[in-house]
Amino acid sequence: VKLAKQIKDGCDMAQSNLRFLSLLKGPCTELASALPKDIPGQLPHLLGVIRVIWVNSEHYKSRERLTALFRKVSSEIIQRCCATINLDDIFDGKIIRSKAALRESIECCEVWKDLY
């Protein structure tokens, strides 16, 4: 009986997490293909969805789970920025393009830091 209750509780938690975390599919898909200059415009919606999850999800109210979620978003933003910075261009002297990519990435990360 105890094991059956644990299994049912685990199943209920998984279904709840799936329901709430699936709200992130659209915003995260957009983020995964965005350029750094486009990311700041996407962040308010993404943070709004995370807030909905935090407020309404029974299992995502803990600091640890939210922190893990924000770390994943931060990592994706960093990856998107890194993808636009080409070290070969920098070392080949393509300064204008390189400075623009660096500037856009810095601005993107500053907006994320301010909103987060």
N, C-alpha and C. Protein backbone atom coordinates (compact mmCIF):
# COMPACT_ATOMS: atom_id res chain seq x y z
N VAL A 1 0.84 -1.19 0.00
CA VAL A 1 0.00 0.00 0.00
C VAL A 1 0.88 1.25 0.00
N LYS A 2 1.94 1.24 0.79
CA LYS A 2 2.83 2.40 0.86
C LYS A 2 3.53 2.63 -0.48
N LEU A 3 3.98 1.54 -1.09
CA LEU A 3 4.65 1.66 -2.38
C LEU A 3 3.69 2.15 -3.45
N ALA A 4 2.46 1.67 -3.42
CA ALA A 4 1.45 2.10 -4.39
C ALA A 4 1.19 3.59 -4.26
N LYS A 5 1.14 4.09 -3.03
CA LYS A 5 0.92 5.53 -2.80
C LYS A 5 2.10 6.34 -3.32
N GLN A 6 3.32 5.85 -3.10
CA GLN A 6 4.50 6.55 -3.60
C GLN A 6 4.50 6.60 -5.13
N ILE A 7 4.11 5.50 -5.74
CA ILE A 7 4.05 5.46 -7.20
C ILE A 7 2.99 6.42 -7.71
N LYS A 8 1.83 6.43 -7.08
CA LYS A 8 0.76 7.34 -7.50
C LYS A 8 1.17 8.78 -7.31
N ASP A 9 1.79 9.10 -6.17
CA ASP A 9 2.26 10.47 -5.92
C ASP A 9 3.30 10.89 -6.96
N GLY A 10 4.21 9.98 -7.28
CA GLY A 10 5.22 10.27 -8.29
C GLY A 10 4.61 10.49 -9.67
N CYS A 11 3.62 9.69 -9.99
CA CYS A 11 2.91 9.84 -11.27
C CYS A 11 2.17 11.17 -11.33
N ASP A 12 1.49 11.52 -10.24
CA ASP A 12 0.77 12.81 -10.18
C ASP A 12 1.74 13.97 -10.33
N MET A 13 2.89 13.88 -9.67
CA MET A 13 3.88 14.96 -9.77
C MET A 13 4.40 15.06 -11.20
N ALA A 14 4.68 13.94 -11.82
CA ALA A 14 5.18 13.96 -13.20
C ALA A 14 4.16 14.57 -14.16
N GLN A 15 2.89 14.22 -13.99
CA GLN A 15 1.84 14.77 -14.85
C GLN A 15 1.70 16.27 -14.64
N SER A 16 1.76 16.70 -13.39
CA SER A 16 1.67 18.13 -13.09
C SER A 16 2.86 18.88 -13.70
N ASN A 17 4.05 18.33 -13.52
CA ASN A 17 5.25 18.97 -14.08
C ASN A 17 5.18 19.05 -15.59
N LEU A 18 4.72 17.98 -16.22
CA LEU A 18 4.58 17.98 -17.67
C LEU A 18 3.60 19.05 -18.12
N ARG A 19 2.47 19.15 -17.43
CA ARG A 19 1.46 20.15 -17.80
C ARG A 19 2.03 21.56 -17.71
N PHE A 20 2.72 21.87 -16.62
CA PHE A 20 3.22 23.23 -16.46
C PHE A 20 4.46 23.50 -17.29
N LEU A 21 5.39 22.56 -17.33
CA LEU A 21 6.63 22.80 -18.07
C LEU A 21 6.39 22.83 -19.58
N SER A 22 5.32 22.19 -20.04
CA SER A 22 5.03 22.25 -21.48
C SER A 22 4.67 23.67 -21.91
N LEU A 23 4.30 24.52 -20.97
CA LEU A 23 4.06 25.94 -21.29
C LEU A 23 5.33 26.62 -21.80
N LEU A 24 6.47 26.07 -21.44
CA LEU A 24 7.75 26.66 -21.84
C LEU A 24 8.20 26.25 -23.23
N LYS A 25 7.52 25.28 -23.83
CA LYS A 25 7.98 24.76 -25.13
C LYS A 25 8.10 25.85 -26.19
N GLY A 26 7.07 26.64 -26.35
CA GLY A 26 7.10 27.71 -27.36
C GLY A 26 8.17 28.75 -27.09
N PRO A 27 8.17 29.36 -25.91
CA PRO A 27 9.19 30.37 -25.63
C PRO A 27 10.62 29.82 -25.71
N CYS A 28 10.82 28.59 -25.27
CA CYS A 28 12.17 28.02 -25.32
C CYS A 28 12.59 27.66 -26.74
N THR A 29 11.63 27.25 -27.56
CA THR A 29 11.92 26.98 -28.96
C THR A 29 12.35 28.26 -29.66
N GLU A 30 11.65 29.34 -29.38
CA GLU A 30 12.02 30.65 -29.95
C GLU A 30 13.41 31.07 -29.47
N LEU A 31 13.66 30.90 -28.18
CA LEU A 31 14.94 31.28 -27.62
C LEU A 31 16.08 30.48 -28.25
N ALA A 32 15.85 29.21 -28.50
CA ALA A 32 16.90 28.32 -29.02
C ALA A 32 17.37 28.70 -30.42
N SER A 33 16.58 29.49 -31.14
CA SER A 33 16.99 29.89 -32.49
C SER A 33 17.17 31.40 -32.61
N ALA A 34 17.10 32.11 -31.51
CA ALA A 34 17.16 33.58 -31.55
C ALA A 34 18.60 34.09 -31.62
N LEU A 35 18.73 35.24 -32.21
CA LEU A 35 19.99 35.98 -32.18
C LEU A 35 20.02 36.81 -30.91
N PRO A 36 21.20 37.13 -30.40
CA PRO A 36 21.27 37.91 -29.16
C PRO A 36 20.47 39.22 -29.20
N LYS A 37 20.43 39.87 -30.36
CA LYS A 37 19.69 41.13 -30.45
C LYS A 37 18.18 40.93 -30.30
N ASP A 38 17.68 39.71 -30.57
CA ASP A 38 16.26 39.43 -30.48
C ASP A 38 15.83 38.89 -29.11
N ILE A 39 16.78 38.40 -28.35
CA ILE A 39 16.46 37.76 -27.08
C ILE A 39 15.82 38.72 -26.07
N PRO A 40 16.31 39.95 -25.89
CA PRO A 40 15.68 40.82 -24.89
C PRO A 40 14.18 41.00 -25.09
N GLY A 41 13.72 41.02 -26.33
CA GLY A 41 12.29 41.16 -26.60
C GLY A 41 11.49 39.92 -26.22
N GLN A 42 12.15 38.78 -26.15
CA GLN A 42 11.49 37.52 -25.80
C GLN A 42 11.44 37.28 -24.29
N LEU A 43 12.32 37.93 -23.56
CA LEU A 43 12.46 37.64 -22.14
C LEU A 43 11.23 37.95 -21.29
N PRO A 44 10.54 39.07 -21.49
CA PRO A 44 9.36 39.31 -20.63
C PRO A 44 8.32 38.19 -20.72
N HIS A 45 8.06 37.69 -21.93
CA HIS A 45 7.10 36.60 -22.08
C HIS A 45 7.61 35.33 -21.40
N LEU A 46 8.87 35.01 -21.61
CA LEU A 46 9.47 33.82 -21.00
C LEU A 46 9.40 33.91 -19.48
N LEU A 47 9.75 35.04 -18.92
CA LEU A 47 9.68 35.21 -17.46
C LEU A 47 8.25 35.16 -16.96
N GLY A 48 7.32 35.66 -17.76
CA GLY A 48 5.91 35.58 -17.38
C GLY A 48 5.43 34.13 -17.30
N VAL A 49 5.87 33.31 -18.24
CA VAL A 49 5.51 31.89 -18.21
C VAL A 49 6.12 31.20 -16.99
N ILE A 50 7.38 31.53 -16.70
CA ILE A 50 8.01 30.95 -15.51
C ILE A 50 7.28 31.38 -14.25
N ARG A 51 6.81 32.61 -14.22
CA ARG A 51 6.05 33.09 -13.06
C ARG A 51 4.73 32.31 -12.92
N VAL A 52 4.06 32.06 -14.03
CA VAL A 52 2.83 31.26 -14.00
C VAL A 52 3.11 29.88 -13.41
N ILE A 53 4.21 29.28 -13.85
CA ILE A 53 4.59 27.96 -13.32
C ILE A 53 4.85 28.05 -11.82
N TRP A 54 5.61 29.04 -11.41
CA TRP A 54 5.96 29.21 -10.00
C TRP A 54 4.72 29.40 -9.13
N VAL A 55 3.81 30.23 -9.58
CA VAL A 55 2.62 30.54 -8.79
C VAL A 55 1.63 29.37 -8.76
N ASN A 56 1.49 28.66 -9.85
CA ASN A 56 0.43 27.67 -9.97
C ASN A 56 0.85 26.21 -9.81
N SER A 57 2.11 25.92 -10.04
CA SER A 57 2.55 24.53 -9.95
C SER A 57 2.79 24.14 -8.50
N GLU A 58 2.25 23.02 -8.16
CA GLU A 58 2.42 22.50 -6.80
C GLU A 58 3.87 22.08 -6.55
N HIS A 59 4.55 21.67 -7.61
CA HIS A 59 5.88 21.09 -7.45
C HIS A 59 7.02 22.00 -7.87
N TYR A 60 6.72 23.17 -8.41
CA TYR A 60 7.78 24.10 -8.82
C TYR A 60 7.80 25.36 -7.96
N LYS A 61 7.42 25.23 -6.72
CA LYS A 61 7.45 26.36 -5.80
C LYS A 61 8.78 26.45 -5.05
N SER A 62 9.56 25.40 -5.09
CA SER A 62 10.80 25.40 -4.32
C SER A 62 11.88 26.25 -4.98
N ARG A 63 12.70 26.82 -4.16
CA ARG A 63 13.81 27.65 -4.62
C ARG A 63 14.75 26.83 -5.52
N GLU A 64 14.98 25.58 -5.14
CA GLU A 64 15.90 24.74 -5.90
C GLU A 64 15.41 24.49 -7.32
N ARG A 65 14.14 24.19 -7.47
CA ARG A 65 13.61 23.91 -8.81
C ARG A 65 13.59 25.16 -9.68
N LEU A 66 13.21 26.29 -9.08
CA LEU A 66 13.21 27.54 -9.87
C LEU A 66 14.63 27.95 -10.24
N THR A 67 15.55 27.79 -9.30
CA THR A 67 16.94 28.12 -9.60
C THR A 67 17.46 27.27 -10.74
N ALA A 68 17.14 25.98 -10.73
CA ALA A 68 17.57 25.09 -11.81
C ALA A 68 16.98 25.53 -13.15
N LEU A 69 15.72 25.95 -13.12
CA LEU A 69 15.06 26.41 -14.35
C LEU A 69 15.73 27.68 -14.88
N PHE A 70 16.01 28.63 -13.99
CA PHE A 70 16.67 29.86 -14.40
C PHE A 70 18.10 29.60 -14.88
N ARG A 71 18.77 28.63 -14.29
CA ARG A 71 20.12 28.29 -14.76
C ARG A 71 20.07 27.77 -16.19
N LYS A 72 19.06 26.98 -16.49
CA LYS A 72 18.93 26.45 -17.85
C LYS A 72 18.66 27.58 -18.85
N VAL A 73 17.83 28.53 -18.47
CA VAL A 73 17.57 29.68 -19.35
C VAL A 73 18.86 30.48 -19.53
N SER A 74 19.58 30.72 -18.44
CA SER A 74 20.84 31.46 -18.51
C SER A 74 21.83 30.76 -19.44
N SER A 75 21.93 29.45 -19.31
CA SER A 75 22.85 28.69 -20.16
C SER A 75 22.48 28.79 -21.63
N GLU A 76 21.19 28.76 -21.91
CA GLU A 76 20.76 28.88 -23.31
C GLU A 76 21.07 30.27 -23.86
N ILE A 77 20.87 31.29 -23.06
CA ILE A 77 21.19 32.66 -23.50
C ILE A 77 22.69 32.76 -23.79
N ILE A 78 23.51 32.22 -22.91
CA ILE A 78 24.96 32.25 -23.12
C ILE A 78 25.33 31.49 -24.39
N GLN A 79 24.72 30.33 -24.61
CA GLN A 79 25.01 29.57 -25.82
C GLN A 79 24.63 30.34 -27.07
N ARG A 80 23.49 31.01 -27.03
CA ARG A 80 23.05 31.79 -28.20
C ARG A 80 24.05 32.92 -28.47
N CYS A 81 24.52 33.55 -27.42
CA CYS A 81 25.50 34.63 -27.60
C CYS A 81 26.83 34.09 -28.12
N CYS A 82 27.28 32.99 -27.55
CA CYS A 82 28.55 32.39 -28.00
C CYS A 82 28.49 31.97 -29.46
N ALA A 83 27.32 31.55 -29.91
CA ALA A 83 27.18 31.10 -31.29
C ALA A 83 27.39 32.23 -32.29
N THR A 84 27.21 33.46 -31.86
CA THR A 84 27.37 34.59 -32.79
C THR A 84 28.76 35.22 -32.73
N ILE A 85 29.55 34.83 -31.75
CA ILE A 85 30.89 35.39 -31.61
C ILE A 85 31.88 34.44 -32.27
N ASN A 86 32.52 34.93 -33.31
CA ASN A 86 33.44 34.11 -34.08
C ASN A 86 34.87 34.57 -33.80
N LEU A 87 35.62 33.75 -33.09
CA LEU A 87 37.00 34.13 -32.75
C LEU A 87 37.88 34.26 -33.99
N ASP A 88 37.62 33.44 -34.99
CA ASP A 88 38.40 33.56 -36.23
C ASP A 88 38.22 34.95 -36.85
N ASP A 89 36.98 35.45 -36.84
CA ASP A 89 36.73 36.80 -37.36
C ASP A 89 37.49 37.84 -36.55
N ILE A 90 37.49 37.67 -35.25
CA ILE A 90 38.20 38.63 -34.40
C ILE A 90 39.68 38.63 -34.72
N PHE A 91 40.28 37.44 -34.80
CA PHE A 91 41.72 37.35 -35.05
C PHE A 91 42.09 37.64 -36.50
N ASP A 92 41.10 37.55 -37.40
CA ASP A 92 41.35 37.91 -38.80
C ASP A 92 41.17 39.41 -39.04
N GLY A 93 40.83 40.15 -38.00
CA GLY A 93 40.73 41.59 -38.12
C GLY A 93 39.38 42.10 -38.59
N LYS A 94 38.37 41.26 -38.59
CA LYS A 94 37.03 41.69 -38.98
C LYS A 94 36.38 42.37 -37.76
N ILE A 95 36.87 43.56 -37.51
CA ILE A 95 36.56 44.27 -36.27
C ILE A 95 35.11 44.74 -36.20
N ILE A 96 34.59 45.29 -37.26
CA ILE A 96 33.24 45.86 -37.21
C ILE A 96 32.21 44.78 -36.91
N ARG A 97 32.27 43.68 -37.63
CA ARG A 97 31.32 42.58 -37.42
C ARG A 97 31.51 41.98 -36.02
N SER A 98 32.76 41.83 -35.62
CA SER A 98 33.05 41.24 -34.32
C SER A 98 32.57 42.13 -33.17
N LYS A 99 32.82 43.43 -33.30
CA LYS A 99 32.36 44.36 -32.26
C LYS A 99 30.84 44.37 -32.16
N ALA A 100 30.18 44.30 -33.30
CA ALA A 100 28.71 44.29 -33.28
C ALA A 100 28.19 43.03 -32.58
N ALA A 101 28.78 41.88 -32.87
CA ALA A 101 28.36 40.63 -32.23
C ALA A 101 28.62 40.68 -30.73
N LEU A 102 29.76 41.20 -30.35
CA LEU A 102 30.09 41.31 -28.92
C LEU A 102 29.16 42.29 -28.22
N ARG A 103 28.90 43.43 -28.86
CA ARG A 103 28.02 44.43 -28.27
C ARG A 103 26.60 43.88 -28.08
N GLU A 104 26.09 43.20 -29.11
CA GLU A 104 24.74 42.62 -29.01
C GLU A 104 24.67 41.57 -27.91
N SER A 105 25.72 40.79 -27.78
CA SER A 105 25.74 39.76 -26.74
C SER A 105 25.81 40.38 -25.35
N ILE A 106 26.61 41.40 -25.20
CA ILE A 106 26.71 42.08 -23.90
C ILE A 106 25.38 42.72 -23.53
N GLU A 107 24.77 43.40 -24.49
CA GLU A 107 23.47 44.03 -24.21
C GLU A 107 22.42 42.99 -23.86
N CYS A 108 22.42 41.88 -24.55
CA CYS A 108 21.48 40.79 -24.28
C CYS A 108 21.65 40.29 -22.84
N CYS A 109 22.88 40.05 -22.46
CA CYS A 109 23.15 39.54 -21.11
C CYS A 109 22.84 40.58 -20.03
N GLU A 110 23.06 41.84 -20.33
CA GLU A 110 22.71 42.89 -19.37
C GLU A 110 21.21 42.97 -19.16
N VAL A 111 20.44 42.85 -20.24
CA VAL A 111 18.98 42.85 -20.10
C VAL A 111 18.53 41.65 -19.28
N TRP A 112 19.09 40.48 -19.55
CA TRP A 112 18.74 39.28 -18.78
C TRP A 112 19.06 39.49 -17.30
N LYS A 113 20.24 40.05 -17.03
CA LYS A 113 20.64 40.29 -15.64
C LYS A 113 19.68 41.27 -14.96
N ASP A 114 19.29 42.32 -15.68
CA ASP A 114 18.37 43.31 -15.09
C ASP A 114 16.99 42.72 -14.83
N LEU A 115 16.50 41.88 -15.75
CA LEU A 115 15.17 41.29 -15.57
C LEU A 115 15.17 40.18 -14.55
N TYR A 116 16.26 39.44 -14.48
CA TYR A 116 16.34 38.30 -13.60
C TYR A 116 16.58 38.79 -12.18
